[in-house]
Amino acid sequence: MQTIQLQVEVKDDRSRLAILRERRAEILAIAAHHGADQVRVFGSVARGEEGPESDVDFLVSYDPERVTPWFPGGLLMDWEELLGCRVDVLTEEGISPLIRERVLAEAKLL
C-alpha cells in the first residue's frame, strides 16, 4: 500500500491590519505586561501595502517605571509568538529624525 501526503496551505485573505485589530485585546495585554501603551502600527501594514513576507512595525509609548527589564526585546518576542510573523518595535524617542515625520503621520492607533 502506498501513502500519499498532501499539504494544504490555508491563506488568510484578510489584511494584516484586520488581523491585528481582531487580536487587539491580546496585543494590548502583552504591551501592558511589558509596560507599554499607545500601541500604533506604521509602515507597510498601516498603509495596506504589506506582502506575505512583510513584518509588522509597532510604535509604542511606555512608562519607564513600569517597563520590564527586557523592554522592548521581550515585547517584540511575545508579539512575534502571538502573530507568527516578524515584528519591529519603536518608541517615539527611538525614531530616527530622518523618518520621524513619516512614521508619526502614518501611525494608526490599534
PDB file of N, CA and C in Angstrom:
ATOM      1  N   MET A   1       0.841  -1.169   0.000  1.00  0.00           N
ATOM      2  CA  MET A   1       0.000   0.000   0.000  1.00  0.00           C
ATOM      3  C   MET A   1       0.892   1.240   0.000  1.00  0.00           C
ATOM      4  N   GLN A   2       0.532   2.205  -0.810  1.00  0.00           N
ATOM      5  CA  GLN A   2       1.313   3.427  -0.940  1.00  0.00           C
ATOM      6  C   GLN A   2       0.554   4.569  -0.266  1.00  0.00           C
ATOM      7  N   THR A   3       1.285   5.381   0.497  1.00  0.00           N
ATOM      8  CA  THR A   3       0.669   6.510   1.187  1.00  0.00           C
ATOM      9  C   THR A   3       1.042   7.792   0.468  1.00  0.00           C
ATOM     10  N   ILE A   4       0.072   8.608   0.232  1.00  0.00           N
ATOM     11  CA  ILE A   4       0.302   9.908  -0.403  1.00  0.00           C
ATOM     12  C   ILE A   4      -0.046  10.982   0.614  1.00  0.00           C
ATOM     13  N   GLN A   5       0.890  11.901   0.815  1.00  0.00           N
ATOM     14  CA  GLN A   5       0.637  13.001   1.738  1.00  0.00           C
ATOM     15  C   GLN A   5       0.384  14.267   0.938  1.00  0.00           C
ATOM     16  N   LEU A   6      -0.636  14.972   1.321  1.00  0.00           N
ATOM     17  CA  LEU A   6      -0.946  16.255   0.701  1.00  0.00           C
ATOM     18  C   LEU A   6      -0.796  17.340   1.749  1.00  0.00           C
ATOM     19  N   GLN A   7      -0.169  18.414   1.364  1.00  0.00           N
ATOM     20  CA  GLN A   7      -0.090  19.559   2.254  1.00  0.00           C
ATOM     21  C   GLN A   7      -0.943  20.662   1.657  1.00  0.00           C
ATOM     22  N   VAL A   8      -1.836  21.170   2.460  1.00  0.00           N
ATOM     23  CA  VAL A   8      -2.713  22.242   2.015  1.00  0.00           C
ATOM     24  C   VAL A   8      -2.390  23.469   2.845  1.00  0.00           C
ATOM     25  N   GLU A   9      -2.055  24.543   2.168  1.00  0.00           N
ATOM     26  CA  GLU A   9      -1.773  25.787   2.865  1.00  0.00           C
ATOM     27  C   GLU A   9      -3.024  26.650   2.799  1.00  0.00           C
ATOM     28  N   VAL A  10      -3.531  26.999   3.957  1.00  0.00           N
ATOM     29  CA  VAL A  10      -4.713  27.846   4.010  1.00  0.00           C
ATOM     30  C   VAL A  10      -4.243  29.282   4.179  1.00  0.00           C
ATOM     31  N   LYS A  11      -4.613  30.117   3.256  1.00  0.00           N
ATOM     32  CA  LYS A  11      -4.207  31.518   3.311  1.00  0.00           C
ATOM     33  C   LYS A  11      -5.327  32.342   3.916  1.00  0.00           C
ATOM     34  N   ASP A  12      -4.948  33.284   4.728  1.00  0.00           N
ATOM     35  CA  ASP A  12      -5.901  34.223   5.297  1.00  0.00           C
ATOM     36  C   ASP A  12      -5.891  35.443   4.390  1.00  0.00           C
ATOM     37  N   ASP A  13      -6.996  35.696   3.715  1.00  0.00           N
ATOM     38  CA  ASP A  13      -7.054  36.785   2.745  1.00  0.00           C
ATOM     39  C   ASP A  13      -7.252  38.157   3.380  1.00  0.00           C
ATOM     40  N   ARG A  14      -7.463  38.187   4.687  1.00  0.00           N
ATOM     41  CA  ARG A  14      -7.638  39.485   5.339  1.00  0.00           C
ATOM     42  C   ARG A  14      -6.300  40.217   5.408  1.00  0.00           C
ATOM     43  N   SER A  15      -6.365  41.530   5.487  1.00  0.00           N
ATOM     44  CA  SER A  15      -5.136  42.304   5.634  1.00  0.00           C
ATOM     45  C   SER A  15      -4.553  42.043   7.017  1.00  0.00           C
ATOM     46  N   ARG A  16      -3.264  42.290   7.144  1.00  0.00           N
ATOM     47  CA  ARG A  16      -2.631  42.124   8.463  1.00  0.00           C
ATOM     48  C   ARG A  16      -3.247  43.091   9.467  1.00  0.00           C
ATOM     49  N   LEU A  17      -3.604  44.292   9.003  1.00  0.00           N
ATOM     50  CA  LEU A  17      -4.206  45.265   9.910  1.00  0.00           C
ATOM     51  C   LEU A  17      -5.530  44.734  10.459  1.00  0.00           C
ATOM     52  N   ALA A  18      -6.320  44.072   9.627  1.00  0.00           N
ATOM     53  CA  ALA A  18      -7.582  43.473  10.088  1.00  0.00           C
ATOM     54  C   ALA A  18      -7.306  42.385  11.125  1.00  0.00           C
ATOM     55  N   ILE A  19      -6.272  41.601  10.895  1.00  0.00           N
ATOM     56  CA  ILE A  19      -5.902  40.544  11.844  1.00  0.00           C
ATOM     57  C   ILE A  19      -5.423  41.162  13.160  1.00  0.00           C
ATOM     58  N   LEU A  20      -4.638  42.238  13.069  1.00  0.00           N
ATOM     59  CA  LEU A  20      -4.172  42.918  14.282  1.00  0.00           C
ATOM     60  C   LEU A  20      -5.351  43.466  15.072  1.00  0.00           C
ATOM     61  N   ARG A  21      -6.305  44.034  14.377  1.00  0.00           N
ATOM     62  CA  ARG A  21      -7.479  44.583  15.078  1.00  0.00           C
ATOM     63  C   ARG A  21      -8.290  43.465  15.732  1.00  0.00           C
ATOM     64  N   GLU A  22      -8.360  42.323  15.068  1.00  0.00           N
ATOM     65  CA  GLU A  22      -9.067  41.176  15.646  1.00  0.00           C
ATOM     66  C   GLU A  22      -8.372  40.688  16.919  1.00  0.00           C
ATOM     67  N   ARG A  23      -7.055  40.773  16.949  1.00  0.00           N
ATOM     68  CA  ARG A  23      -6.271  40.290  18.101  1.00  0.00           C
ATOM     69  C   ARG A  23      -5.865  41.436  19.024  1.00  0.00           C
ATOM     70  N   ARG A  24      -6.537  42.557  18.872  1.00  0.00           N
ATOM     71  CA  ARG A  24      -6.205  43.783  19.599  1.00  0.00           C
ATOM     72  C   ARG A  24      -6.086  43.553  21.105  1.00  0.00           C
ATOM     73  N   ALA A  25      -7.060  42.898  21.705  1.00  0.00           N
ATOM     74  CA  ALA A  25      -7.047  42.698  23.161  1.00  0.00           C
ATOM     75  C   ALA A  25      -5.795  41.950  23.605  1.00  0.00           C
ATOM     76  N   GLU A  26      -5.408  40.925  22.858  1.00  0.00           N
ATOM     77  CA  GLU A  26      -4.205  40.155  23.209  1.00  0.00           C
ATOM     78  C   GLU A  26      -2.944  40.999  23.032  1.00  0.00           C
ATOM     79  N   ILE A  27      -2.896  41.754  21.943  1.00  0.00           N
ATOM     80  CA  ILE A  27      -1.733  42.609  21.670  1.00  0.00           C
ATOM     81  C   ILE A  27      -1.576  43.651  22.774  1.00  0.00           C
ATOM     82  N   LEU A  28      -2.688  44.283  23.162  1.00  0.00           N
ATOM     83  CA  LEU A  28      -2.631  45.316  24.196  1.00  0.00           C
ATOM     84  C   LEU A  28      -2.310  44.726  25.567  1.00  0.00           C
ATOM     85  N   ALA A  29      -2.784  43.522  25.846  1.00  0.00           N
ATOM     86  CA  ALA A  29      -2.465  42.870  27.125  1.00  0.00           C
ATOM     87  C   ALA A  29      -0.969  42.583  27.220  1.00  0.00           C
ATOM     88  N   ILE A  30      -0.388  42.124  26.130  1.00  0.00           N
ATOM     89  CA  ILE A  30       1.059  41.871  26.111  1.00  0.00           C
ATOM     90  C   ILE A  30       1.816  43.182  26.291  1.00  0.00           C
ATOM     91  N   ALA A  31       1.365  44.233  25.612  1.00  0.00           N
ATOM     92  CA  ALA A  31       2.008  45.545  25.747  1.00  0.00           C
ATOM     93  C   ALA A  31       1.964  46.008  27.202  1.00  0.00           C
ATOM     94  N   ALA A  32       0.799  45.915  27.826  1.00  0.00           N
ATOM     95  CA  ALA A  32       0.647  46.351  29.217  1.00  0.00           C
ATOM     96  C   ALA A  32       1.555  45.551  30.148  1.00  0.00           C
ATOM     97  N   HIS A  33       1.665  44.251  29.895  1.00  0.00           N
ATOM     98  CA  HIS A  33       2.543  43.401  30.706  1.00  0.00           C
ATOM     99  C   HIS A  33       3.986  43.904  30.666  1.00  0.00           C
ATOM    100  N   HIS A  34       4.389  44.444  29.530  1.00  0.00           N
ATOM    101  CA  HIS A  34       5.761  44.934  29.366  1.00  0.00           C
ATOM    102  C   HIS A  34       5.902  46.425  29.675  1.00  0.00           C
ATOM    103  N   GLY A  35       4.815  47.082  30.110  1.00  0.00           N
ATOM    104  CA  GLY A  35       4.875  48.496  30.470  1.00  0.00           C
ATOM    105  C   GLY A  35       4.684  49.446  29.307  1.00  0.00           C
ATOM    106  N   ALA A  36       4.168  48.953  28.195  1.00  0.00           N
ATOM    107  CA  ALA A  36       3.956  49.787  27.008  1.00  0.00           C
ATOM    108  C   ALA A  36       2.474  50.095  26.842  1.00  0.00           C
ATOM    109  N   ASP A  37       2.192  51.214  26.181  1.00  0.00           N
ATOM    110  CA  ASP A  37       0.811  51.569  25.856  1.00  0.00           C
ATOM    111  C   ASP A  37       0.809  52.380  24.560  1.00  0.00           C
ATOM    112  N   GLN A  38      -0.337  52.940  24.218  1.00  0.00           N
ATOM    113  CA  GLN A  38      -0.496  53.696  22.971  1.00  0.00           C
ATOM    114  C   GLN A  38       0.113  52.931  21.794  1.00  0.00           C
ATOM    115  N   VAL A  39      -0.337  51.713  21.612  1.00  0.00           N
ATOM    116  CA  VAL A  39       0.201  50.846  20.562  1.00  0.00           C
ATOM    117  C   VAL A  39      -0.318  51.320  19.210  1.00  0.00           C
ATOM    118  N   ARG A  40       0.608  51.633  18.323  1.00  0.00           N
ATOM    119  CA  ARG A  40       0.275  52.084  16.975  1.00  0.00           C
ATOM    120  C   ARG A  40       1.005  51.227  15.959  1.00  0.00           C
ATOM    121  N   VAL A  41       0.419  51.138  14.784  1.00  0.00           N
ATOM    122  CA  VAL A  41       1.011  50.384  13.681  1.00  0.00           C
ATOM    123  C   VAL A  41       1.405  51.389  12.611  1.00  0.00           C
ATOM    124  N   PHE A  42       2.595  51.219  12.034  1.00  0.00           N
ATOM    125  CA  PHE A  42       3.019  52.077  10.928  1.00  0.00           C
ATOM    126  C   PHE A  42       3.687  51.206   9.879  1.00  0.00           C
ATOM    127  N   GLY A  43       4.133  51.804   8.810  1.00  0.00           N
ATOM    128  CA  GLY A  43       4.814  51.050   7.757  1.00  0.00           C
ATOM    129  C   GLY A  43       3.834  50.439   6.777  1.00  0.00           C
ATOM    130  N   SER A  44       4.288  49.397   6.095  1.00  0.00           N
ATOM    131  CA  SER A  44       3.501  48.805   5.010  1.00  0.00           C
ATOM    132  C   SER A  44       2.148  48.282   5.482  1.00  0.00           C
ATOM    133  N   VAL A  45       2.074  47.764   6.700  1.00  0.00           N
ATOM    134  CA  VAL A  45       0.795  47.245   7.208  1.00  0.00           C
ATOM    135  C   VAL A  45      -0.199  48.387   7.396  1.00  0.00           C
ATOM    136  N   ALA A  46       0.248  49.495   7.959  1.00  0.00           N
ATOM    137  CA  ALA A  46      -0.636  50.646   8.163  1.00  0.00           C
ATOM    138  C   ALA A  46      -1.102  51.234   6.833  1.00  0.00           C
ATOM    139  N   ARG A  47      -0.234  51.169   5.828  1.00  0.00           N
ATOM    140  CA  ARG A  47      -0.583  51.717   4.505  1.00  0.00           C
ATOM    141  C   ARG A  47      -1.380  50.735   3.653  1.00  0.00           C
ATOM    142  N   GLY A  48      -1.526  49.490   4.111  1.00  0.00           N
ATOM    143  CA  GLY A  48      -2.232  48.477   3.331  1.00  0.00           C
ATOM    144  C   GLY A  48      -1.422  47.965   2.159  1.00  0.00           C
ATOM    145  N   GLU A  49      -0.092  48.059   2.264  1.00  0.00           N
ATOM    146  CA  GLU A  49       0.804  47.662   1.177  1.00  0.00           C
ATOM    147  C   GLU A  49       1.655  46.449   1.526  1.00  0.00           C
ATOM    148  N   GLU A  50       1.299  45.738   2.589  1.00  0.00           N
ATOM    149  CA  GLU A  50       2.133  44.620   3.030  1.00  0.00           C
ATOM    150  C   GLU A  50       2.079  43.456   2.055  1.00  0.00           C
ATOM    151  N   GLY A  51       3.169  42.707   2.052  1.00  0.00           N
ATOM    152  CA  GLY A  51       3.254  41.474   1.278  1.00  0.00           C
ATOM    153  C   GLY A  51       3.348  40.304   2.233  1.00  0.00           C
ATOM    154  N   PRO A  52       3.440  39.092   1.703  1.00  0.00           N
ATOM    155  CA  PRO A  52       3.482  37.905   2.561  1.00  0.00           C
ATOM    156  C   PRO A  52       4.684  37.873   3.504  1.00  0.00           C
ATOM    157  N   GLU A  53       5.772  38.514   3.131  1.00  0.00           N
ATOM    158  CA  GLU A  53       6.982  38.498   3.966  1.00  0.00           C
ATOM    159  C   GLU A  53       7.145  39.761   4.812  1.00  0.00           C
ATOM    160  N   SER A  54       6.169  40.660   4.756  1.00  0.00           N
ATOM    161  CA  SER A  54       6.279  41.920   5.496  1.00  0.00           C
ATOM    162  C   SER A  54       6.256  41.685   7.000  1.00  0.00           C
ATOM    163  N   ASP A  55       7.010  42.512   7.702  1.00  0.00           N
ATOM    164  CA  ASP A  55       6.940  42.490   9.155  1.00  0.00           C
ATOM    165  C   ASP A  55       5.861  43.474   9.596  1.00  0.00           C
ATOM    166  N   VAL A  56       5.582  43.488  10.883  1.00  0.00           N
ATOM    167  CA  VAL A  56       4.638  44.447  11.446  1.00  0.00           C
ATOM    168  C   VAL A  56       5.451  45.441  12.260  1.00  0.00           C
ATOM    169  N   ASP A  57       5.304  46.715  11.934  1.00  0.00           N
ATOM    170  CA  ASP A  57       6.025  47.779  12.629  1.00  0.00           C
ATOM    171  C   ASP A  57       5.102  48.407  13.666  1.00  0.00           C
ATOM    172  N   PHE A  58       5.500  48.302  14.932  1.00  0.00           N
ATOM    173  CA  PHE A  58       4.727  48.887  16.022  1.00  0.00           C
ATOM    174  C   PHE A  58       5.469  50.095  16.580  1.00  0.00           C
ATOM    175  N   LEU A  59       4.710  51.106  16.951  1.00  0.00           N
ATOM    176  CA  LEU A  59       5.219  52.274  17.655  1.00  0.00           C
ATOM    177  C   LEU A  59       4.506  52.300  18.999  1.00  0.00           C
ATOM    178  N   VAL A  60       5.257  52.367  20.085  1.00  0.00           N
ATOM    179  CA  VAL A  60       4.650  52.334  21.419  1.00  0.00           C
ATOM    180  C   VAL A  60       5.183  53.463  22.288  1.00  0.00           C
ATOM    181  N   SER A  61       4.387  53.833  23.261  1.00  0.00           N
ATOM    182  CA  SER A  61       4.835  54.698  24.344  1.00  0.00           C
ATOM    183  C   SER A  61       5.045  53.789  25.546  1.00  0.00           C
ATOM    184  N   TYR A  62       5.757  54.286  26.541  1.00  0.00           N
ATOM    185  CA  TYR A  62       5.999  53.443  27.715  1.00  0.00           C
ATOM    186  C   TYR A  62       6.263  54.296  28.942  1.00  0.00           C
ATOM    187  N   ASP A  63       6.043  53.696  30.082  1.00  0.00           N
ATOM    188  CA  ASP A  63       6.320  54.309  31.370  1.00  0.00           C
ATOM    189  C   ASP A  63       7.628  53.709  31.869  1.00  0.00           C
ATOM    190  N   PRO A  64       8.684  54.510  31.980  1.00  0.00           N
ATOM    191  CA  PRO A  64       9.991  53.967  32.399  1.00  0.00           C
ATOM    192  C   PRO A  64       9.952  53.229  33.733  1.00  0.00           C
ATOM    193  N   GLU A  65       8.991  53.558  34.579  1.00  0.00           N
ATOM    194  CA  GLU A  65       8.896  52.894  35.883  1.00  0.00           C
ATOM    195  C   GLU A  65       8.161  51.559  35.805  1.00  0.00           C
ATOM    196  N   ARG A  66       7.491  51.295  34.682  1.00  0.00           N
ATOM    197  CA  ARG A  66       6.710  50.061  34.552  1.00  0.00           C
ATOM    198  C   ARG A  66       7.296  49.058  33.569  1.00  0.00           C
ATOM    199  N   VAL A  67       8.242  49.473  32.749  1.00  0.00           N
ATOM    200  CA  VAL A  67       8.748  48.544  31.732  1.00  0.00           C
ATOM    201  C   VAL A  67       9.510  47.396  32.382  1.00  0.00           C
ATOM    202  N   THR A  68       9.454  46.257  31.715  1.00  0.00           N
ATOM    203  CA  THR A  68      10.197  45.095  32.186  1.00  0.00           C
ATOM    204  C   THR A  68      11.672  45.287  31.849  1.00  0.00           C
ATOM    205  N   PRO A  69      12.550  44.574  32.524  1.00  0.00           N
ATOM    206  CA  PRO A  69      13.982  44.699  32.230  1.00  0.00           C
ATOM    207  C   PRO A  69      14.336  44.311  30.792  1.00  0.00           C
ATOM    208  N   TRP A  70      13.450  43.574  30.138  1.00  0.00           N
ATOM    209  CA  TRP A  70      13.736  43.096  28.782  1.00  0.00           C
ATOM    210  C   TRP A  70      13.097  43.966  27.712  1.00  0.00           C
ATOM    211  N   PHE A  71      12.565  45.126  28.092  1.00  0.00           N
ATOM    212  CA  PHE A  71      11.890  46.017  27.143  1.00  0.00           C
ATOM    213  C   PHE A  71      12.908  46.630  26.196  1.00  0.00           C
ATOM    214  N   PRO A  72      12.659  46.713  24.908  1.00  0.00           N
ATOM    215  CA  PRO A  72      11.487  46.217  24.204  1.00  0.00           C
ATOM    216  C   PRO A  72      11.653  44.807  23.640  1.00  0.00           C
ATOM    217  N   GLY A  73      12.794  44.154  23.895  1.00  0.00           N
ATOM    218  CA  GLY A  73      13.040  42.827  23.317  1.00  0.00           C
ATOM    219  C   GLY A  73      12.006  41.788  23.705  1.00  0.00           C
ATOM    220  N   GLY A  74      11.605  41.765  24.972  1.00  0.00           N
ATOM    221  CA  GLY A  74      10.601  40.800  25.414  1.00  0.00           C
ATOM    222  C   GLY A  74       9.248  41.057  24.768  1.00  0.00           C
ATOM    223  N   LEU A  75       8.910  42.325  24.616  1.00  0.00           N
ATOM    224  CA  LEU A  75       7.662  42.705  23.950  1.00  0.00           C
ATOM    225  C   LEU A  75       7.673  42.223  22.504  1.00  0.00           C
ATOM    226  N   LEU A  76       8.758  42.480  21.818  1.00  0.00           N
ATOM    227  CA  LEU A  76       8.921  42.054  20.425  1.00  0.00           C
ATOM    228  C   LEU A  76       8.763  40.540  20.305  1.00  0.00           C
ATOM    229  N   MET A  77       9.431  39.794  21.151  1.00  0.00           N
ATOM    230  CA  MET A  77       9.368  38.324  21.068  1.00  0.00           C
ATOM    231  C   MET A  77       7.967  37.800  21.374  1.00  0.00           C
ATOM    232  N   ASP A  78       7.303  38.387  22.360  1.00  0.00           N
ATOM    233  CA  ASP A  78       5.946  37.942  22.687  1.00  0.00           C
ATOM    234  C   ASP A  78       4.977  38.237  21.546  1.00  0.00           C
ATOM    235  N   TRP A  79       5.112  39.398  20.915  1.00  0.00           N
ATOM    236  CA  TRP A  79       4.243  39.720  19.779  1.00  0.00           C
ATOM    237  C   TRP A  79       4.541  38.815  18.587  1.00  0.00           C
ATOM    238  N   GLU A  80       5.807  38.527  18.340  1.00  0.00           N
ATOM    239  CA  GLU A  80       6.144  37.622  17.234  1.00  0.00           C
ATOM    240  C   GLU A  80       5.535  36.240  17.458  1.00  0.00           C
ATOM    241  N   GLU A  81       5.579  35.773  18.695  1.00  0.00           N
ATOM    242  CA  GLU A  81       4.993  34.463  19.003  1.00  0.00           C
ATOM    243  C   GLU A  81       3.476  34.490  18.798  1.00  0.00           C
ATOM    244  N   LEU A  82       2.834  35.549  19.243  1.00  0.00           N
ATOM    245  CA  LEU A  82       1.381  35.675  19.100  1.00  0.00           C
ATOM    246  C   LEU A  82       0.962  35.765  17.635  1.00  0.00           C
ATOM    247  N   LEU A  83       1.682  36.579  16.861  1.00  0.00           N
ATOM    248  CA  LEU A  83       1.259  36.881  15.491  1.00  0.00           C
ATOM    249  C   LEU A  83       1.846  35.948  14.442  1.00  0.00           C
ATOM    250  N   GLY A  84       2.916  35.249  14.788  1.00  0.00           N
ATOM    251  CA  GLY A  84       3.521  34.324  13.833  1.00  0.00           C
ATOM    252  C   GLY A  84       4.230  35.006  12.684  1.00  0.00           C
ATOM    253  N   CYS A  85       4.720  36.217  12.918  1.00  0.00           N
ATOM    254  CA  CYS A  85       5.479  36.931  11.882  1.00  0.00           C
ATOM    255  C   CYS A  85       6.509  37.824  12.561  1.00  0.00           C
ATOM    256  N   ARG A  86       7.411  38.367  11.744  1.00  0.00           N
ATOM    257  CA  ARG A  86       8.426  39.272  12.278  1.00  0.00           C
ATOM    258  C   ARG A  86       7.773  40.577  12.727  1.00  0.00           C
ATOM    259  N   VAL A  87       8.312  41.140  13.798  1.00  0.00           N
ATOM    260  CA  VAL A  87       7.783  42.366  14.380  1.00  0.00           C
ATOM    261  C   VAL A  87       8.949  43.302  14.670  1.00  0.00           C
ATOM    262  N   ASP A  88       8.736  44.583  14.448  1.00  0.00           N
ATOM    263  CA  ASP A  88       9.681  45.610  14.883  1.00  0.00           C
ATOM    264  C   ASP A  88       8.954  46.507  15.876  1.00  0.00           C
ATOM    265  N   VAL A  89       9.673  46.962  16.900  1.00  0.00           N
ATOM    266  CA  VAL A  89       9.084  47.841  17.908  1.00  0.00           C
ATOM    267  C   VAL A  89       9.943  49.090  18.021  1.00  0.00           C
ATOM    268  N   LEU A  90       9.298  50.238  17.888  1.00  0.00           N
ATOM    269  CA  LEU A  90       9.959  51.524  18.080  1.00  0.00           C
ATOM    270  C   LEU A  90       9.238  52.301  19.169  1.00  0.00           C
ATOM    271  N   THR A  91       9.988  53.137  19.871  1.00  0.00           N
ATOM    272  CA  THR A  91       9.391  54.114  20.773  1.00  0.00           C
ATOM    273  C   THR A  91       9.538  55.473  20.099  1.00  0.00           C
ATOM    274  N   GLU A  92       8.749  56.446  20.524  1.00  0.00           N
ATOM    275  CA  GLU A  92       8.857  57.774  19.907  1.00  0.00           C
ATOM    276  C   GLU A  92      10.270  58.324  20.055  1.00  0.00           C
ATOM    277  N   GLU A  93      10.886  58.046  21.190  1.00  0.00           N
ATOM    278  CA  GLU A  93      12.259  58.523  21.407  1.00  0.00           C
ATOM    279  C   GLU A  93      13.250  57.833  20.477  1.00  0.00           C
ATOM    280  N   GLY A  94      12.909  56.647  20.023  1.00  0.00           N
ATOM    281  CA  GLY A  94      13.822  55.866  19.199  1.00  0.00           C
ATOM    282  C   GLY A  94      13.679  56.073  17.703  1.00  0.00           C
ATOM    283  N   ILE A  95      12.735  56.921  17.288  1.00  0.00           N
ATOM    284  CA  ILE A  95      12.531  57.143  15.853  1.00  0.00           C
ATOM    285  C   ILE A  95      13.654  58.022  15.315  1.00  0.00           C
ATOM    286  N   SER A  96      14.263  57.593  14.241  1.00  0.00           N
ATOM    287  CA  SER A  96      15.294  58.398  13.586  1.00  0.00           C
ATOM    288  C   SER A  96      14.677  59.703  13.090  1.00  0.00           C
ATOM    289  N   PRO A  97      15.382  60.814  13.263  1.00  0.00           N
ATOM    290  CA  PRO A  97      14.873  62.091  12.740  1.00  0.00           C
ATOM    291  C   PRO A  97      14.607  62.041  11.229  1.00  0.00           C
ATOM    292  N   LEU A  98      15.296  61.148  10.531  1.00  0.00           N
ATOM    293  CA  LEU A  98      15.127  61.047   9.077  1.00  0.00           C
ATOM    294  C   LEU A  98      13.752  60.516   8.680  1.00  0.00           C
ATOM    295  N   ILE A  99      13.113  59.726   9.556  1.00  0.00           N
ATOM    296  CA  ILE A  99      11.808  59.147   9.209  1.00  0.00           C
ATOM    297  C   ILE A  99      10.708  59.536  10.195  1.00  0.00           C
ATOM    298  N   ARG A 100      11.032  60.357  11.167  1.00  0.00           N
ATOM    299  CA  ARG A 100      10.097  60.697  12.247  1.00  0.00           C
ATOM    300  C   ARG A 100       8.753  61.209  11.729  1.00  0.00           C
ATOM    301  N   GLU A 101       8.763  62.204  10.857  1.00  0.00           N
ATOM    302  CA  GLU A 101       7.516  62.785  10.345  1.00  0.00           C
ATOM    303  C   GLU A 101       6.648  61.738   9.667  1.00  0.00           C
ATOM    304  N   ARG A 102       7.258  60.921   8.819  1.00  0.00           N
ATOM    305  CA  ARG A 102       6.504  59.901   8.081  1.00  0.00           C
ATOM    306  C   ARG A 102       5.901  58.879   9.037  1.00  0.00           C
ATOM    307  N   VAL A 103       6.696  58.406   9.997  1.00  0.00           N
ATOM    308  CA  VAL A 103       6.216  57.396  10.949  1.00  0.00           C
ATOM    309  C   VAL A 103       5.031  57.937  11.744  1.00  0.00           C
ATOM    310  N   LEU A 104       5.162  59.137  12.285  1.00  0.00           N
ATOM    311  CA  LEU A 104       4.085  59.706  13.093  1.00  0.00           C
ATOM    312  C   LEU A 104       2.840  59.985  12.253  1.00  0.00           C
ATOM    313  N   ALA A 105       3.030  60.377  10.992  1.00  0.00           N
ATOM    314  CA  ALA A 105       1.891  60.679  10.116  1.00  0.00           C
ATOM    315  C   ALA A 105       1.095  59.430   9.753  1.00  0.00           C
ATOM    316  N   GLU A 106       1.778  58.311   9.543  1.00  0.00           N
ATOM    317  CA  GLU A 106       1.057  57.112   9.097  1.00  0.00           C
ATOM    318  C   GLU A 106       0.685  56.159  10.227  1.00  0.00           C
ATOM    319  N   ALA A 107       1.145  56.425  11.442  1.00  0.00           N
ATOM    320  CA  ALA A 107       0.862  55.534  12.573  1.00  0.00           C
ATOM    321  C   ALA A 107      -0.633  55.507  12.878  1.00  0.00           C
ATOM    322  N   LYS A 108      -1.163  54.289  13.015  1.00  0.00           N
ATOM    323  CA  LYS A 108      -2.585  54.089  13.315  1.00  0.00           C
ATOM    324  C   LYS A 108      -2.712  53.431  14.677  1.00  0.00           C
ATOM    325  N   LEU A 109      -3.490  54.058  15.546  1.00  0.00           N
ATOM    326  CA  LEU A 109      -3.723  53.504  16.877  1.00  0.00           C
ATOM    327  C   LEU A 109      -4.444  52.175  16.752  1.00  0.00           C
ATOM    328  N   LEU A 110      -3.944  51.195  17.457  1.00  0.00           N
ATOM    329  CA  LEU A 110      -4.558  49.862  17.377  1.00  0.00           C
ATOM    330  C   LEU A 110      -5.785  49.811  18.270  1.00  0.00           C
TER     331      LEU A 110
END
